[in-house]
Every structure is written in structure tokens, then in C-alpha cells.
Amino acid sequence: MLRSFGYLGTLFGKNSEFNHVNAAILCIRNYYSPKKAILELDLPQTPIEQTLKDTVEWFEQNHIVKLKKGLSS
């Protein structure tokens, strides 16, 4: 389905960043491992929950987004 939408974008020639080439790339199963960065650079790994919390807080502090009350905790 994703590729179909990509071909439609290409076919209609709309000025879009989404075309059949980008759709095909998104459908490739790419997997990346942080193993080398962890071993060689001693890169710390932060749990996804903490990362998302920190990211939302940063967006709020920098006035990029404003969450409704009750959504941020």
C-alpha cells in the first residue's frame, strides 16, 4: 500500500518528498545495532521511556509544543 501511494505521488508529479523511490526505501527491512558505538565509544543507552519523557519536556521548555493538562506527567 505504501508503495502504491509513492507511485501516485510520482505519477501526479506533485512537489512532494514522498515518491515511489522513498516508499521503496521505507519498505526495506533496515536494522541498526548500537553495539559498536556502545563498545568503542562507551555510548550510554537510555531506556525509551526516559528518552521520550526527556524529549517531550525539551519540546515544552523550548515552546515547540504545549501539551494539554493531564497528558504530561
C-alpha atoms as a PDB file:
ATOM      1  CA  MET A   1       0.000   0.000   0.000  1.00  0.00           C
ATOM      2  CA  LEU A   2       2.822   2.396   0.894  1.00  0.00           C
ATOM      3  CA  ARG A   3       4.487   1.807  -2.458  1.00  0.00           C
ATOM      4  CA  SER A   4       1.172   2.462  -4.233  1.00  0.00           C
ATOM      5  CA  PHE A   5       0.908   5.883  -2.625  1.00  0.00           C
ATOM      6  CA  GLY A   6       4.507   6.544  -3.585  1.00  0.00           C
ATOM      7  CA  TYR A   7       3.781   5.740  -7.233  1.00  0.00           C
ATOM      8  CA  LEU A   8       0.732   8.013  -7.138  1.00  0.00           C
ATOM      9  CA  GLY A   9       2.901  10.849  -5.874  1.00  0.00           C
ATOM     10  CA  THR A  10       5.374  10.254  -8.698  1.00  0.00           C
ATOM     11  CA  LEU A  11       2.637   9.797 -11.316  1.00  0.00           C
ATOM     12  CA  PHE A  12       0.866  13.053 -10.493  1.00  0.00           C
ATOM     13  CA  GLY A  13       4.159  14.907 -10.282  1.00  0.00           C
ATOM     14  CA  LYS A  14       3.223  16.647  -7.069  1.00  0.00           C
ATOM     15  CA  ASN A  15       6.036  18.587  -5.447  1.00  0.00           C
ATOM     16  CA  SER A  16       6.441  16.216  -2.544  1.00  0.00           C
ATOM     17  CA  GLU A  17       9.237  14.492  -0.717  1.00  0.00           C
ATOM     18  CA  PHE A  18       7.214  11.272  -0.920  1.00  0.00           C
ATOM     19  CA  ASN A  19       7.550   9.352  -4.171  1.00  0.00           C
ATOM     20  CA  HIS A  20       7.940   5.746  -5.291  1.00  0.00           C
ATOM     21  CA  VAL A  21      11.688   5.737  -4.555  1.00  0.00           C
ATOM     22  CA  ASN A  22      11.207   6.934  -0.974  1.00  0.00           C
ATOM     23  CA  ALA A  23       8.328   4.483  -0.489  1.00  0.00           C
ATOM     24  CA  ALA A  24      10.523   1.593  -1.653  1.00  0.00           C
ATOM     25  CA  ILE A  25      13.290   2.606   0.756  1.00  0.00           C
ATOM     26  CA  LEU A  26      10.793   2.689   3.632  1.00  0.00           C
ATOM     27  CA  CYS A  27       9.737  -0.880   2.798  1.00  0.00           C
ATOM     28  CA  ILE A  28      13.264  -2.295   3.052  1.00  0.00           C
ATOM     29  CA  ARG A  29      13.919  -4.024   6.338  1.00  0.00           C
ATOM     30  CA  ASN A  30      16.818  -1.993   7.701  1.00  0.00           C
ATOM     31  CA  TYR A  31      18.036  -2.775  11.177  1.00  0.00           C
ATOM     32  CA  TYR A  32      20.773  -0.953  13.009  1.00  0.00           C
ATOM     33  CA  SER A  33      22.685  -2.007  16.084  1.00  0.00           C
ATOM     34  CA  PRO A  34      24.235   0.357  18.631  1.00  0.00           C
ATOM     35  CA  LYS A  35      26.742  -2.355  19.609  1.00  0.00           C
ATOM     36  CA  LYS A  36      29.805  -0.720  18.001  1.00  0.00           C
ATOM     37  CA  ALA A  37      29.017   2.704  19.496  1.00  0.00           C
ATOM     38  CA  ILE A  38      28.488   1.150  22.913  1.00  0.00           C
ATOM     39  CA  LEU A  39      31.733  -0.826  22.806  1.00  0.00           C
ATOM     40  CA  GLU A  40      34.057   1.661  21.108  1.00  0.00           C
ATOM     41  CA  LEU A  41      32.658   4.979  22.292  1.00  0.00           C
ATOM     42  CA  ASP A  42      31.198   3.860  25.616  1.00  0.00           C
ATOM     43  CA  LEU A  43      27.934   5.416  24.453  1.00  0.00           C
ATOM     44  CA  PRO A  44      25.328   5.248  27.212  1.00  0.00           C
ATOM     45  CA  GLN A  45      21.961   3.711  26.417  1.00  0.00           C
ATOM     46  CA  THR A  46      18.878   5.437  27.787  1.00  0.00           C
ATOM     47  CA  PRO A  47      15.624   3.477  28.146  1.00  0.00           C
ATOM     48  CA  ILE A  48      12.990   4.530  25.599  1.00  0.00           C
ATOM     49  CA  GLU A  49      10.557   5.645  28.310  1.00  0.00           C
ATOM     50  CA  GLN A  50      13.104   8.099  29.748  1.00  0.00           C
ATOM     51  CA  THR A  51      14.117   9.269  26.279  1.00  0.00           C
ATOM     52  CA  LEU A  52      10.509  10.063  25.343  1.00  0.00           C
ATOM     53  CA  LYS A  53       9.893  11.840  28.660  1.00  0.00           C
ATOM     54  CA  ASP A  54      13.052  13.944  28.235  1.00  0.00           C
ATOM     55  CA  THR A  55      12.132  14.751  24.627  1.00  0.00           C
ATOM     56  CA  VAL A  56       8.612  15.913  25.485  1.00  0.00           C
ATOM     57  CA  GLU A  57       9.970  18.049  28.339  1.00  0.00           C
ATOM     58  CA  TRP A  58      12.539  19.623  25.994  1.00  0.00           C
ATOM     59  CA  PHE A  59       9.849  20.447  23.416  1.00  0.00           C
ATOM     60  CA  GLU A  60       7.690  22.022  26.130  1.00  0.00           C
ATOM     61  CA  GLN A  61      10.573  24.015  27.648  1.00  0.00           C
ATOM     62  CA  ASN A  62      11.537  25.352  24.229  1.00  0.00           C
ATOM     63  CA  HIS A  63       7.923  26.298  23.428  1.00  0.00           C
ATOM     64  CA  ILE A  64       7.734  23.956  20.451  1.00  0.00           C
ATOM     65  CA  VAL A  65       4.670  22.116  21.779  1.00  0.00           C
ATOM     66  CA  LYS A  66       2.254  22.728  24.603  1.00  0.00           C
ATOM     67  CA  LEU A  67       0.518  19.659  25.968  1.00  0.00           C
ATOM     68  CA  LYS A  68      -2.941  19.786  27.445  1.00  0.00           C
ATOM     69  CA  LYS A  69      -3.118  19.375  31.212  1.00  0.00           C
ATOM     70  CA  GLY A  70      -3.156  15.749  32.280  1.00  0.00           C
ATOM     71  CA  LEU A  71      -1.116  14.492  29.320  1.00  0.00           C
ATOM     72  CA  SER A  72       2.294  15.414  30.699  1.00  0.00           C
ATOM     73  CA  SER A  73       3.371  13.538  33.811  1.00  0.00           C
END
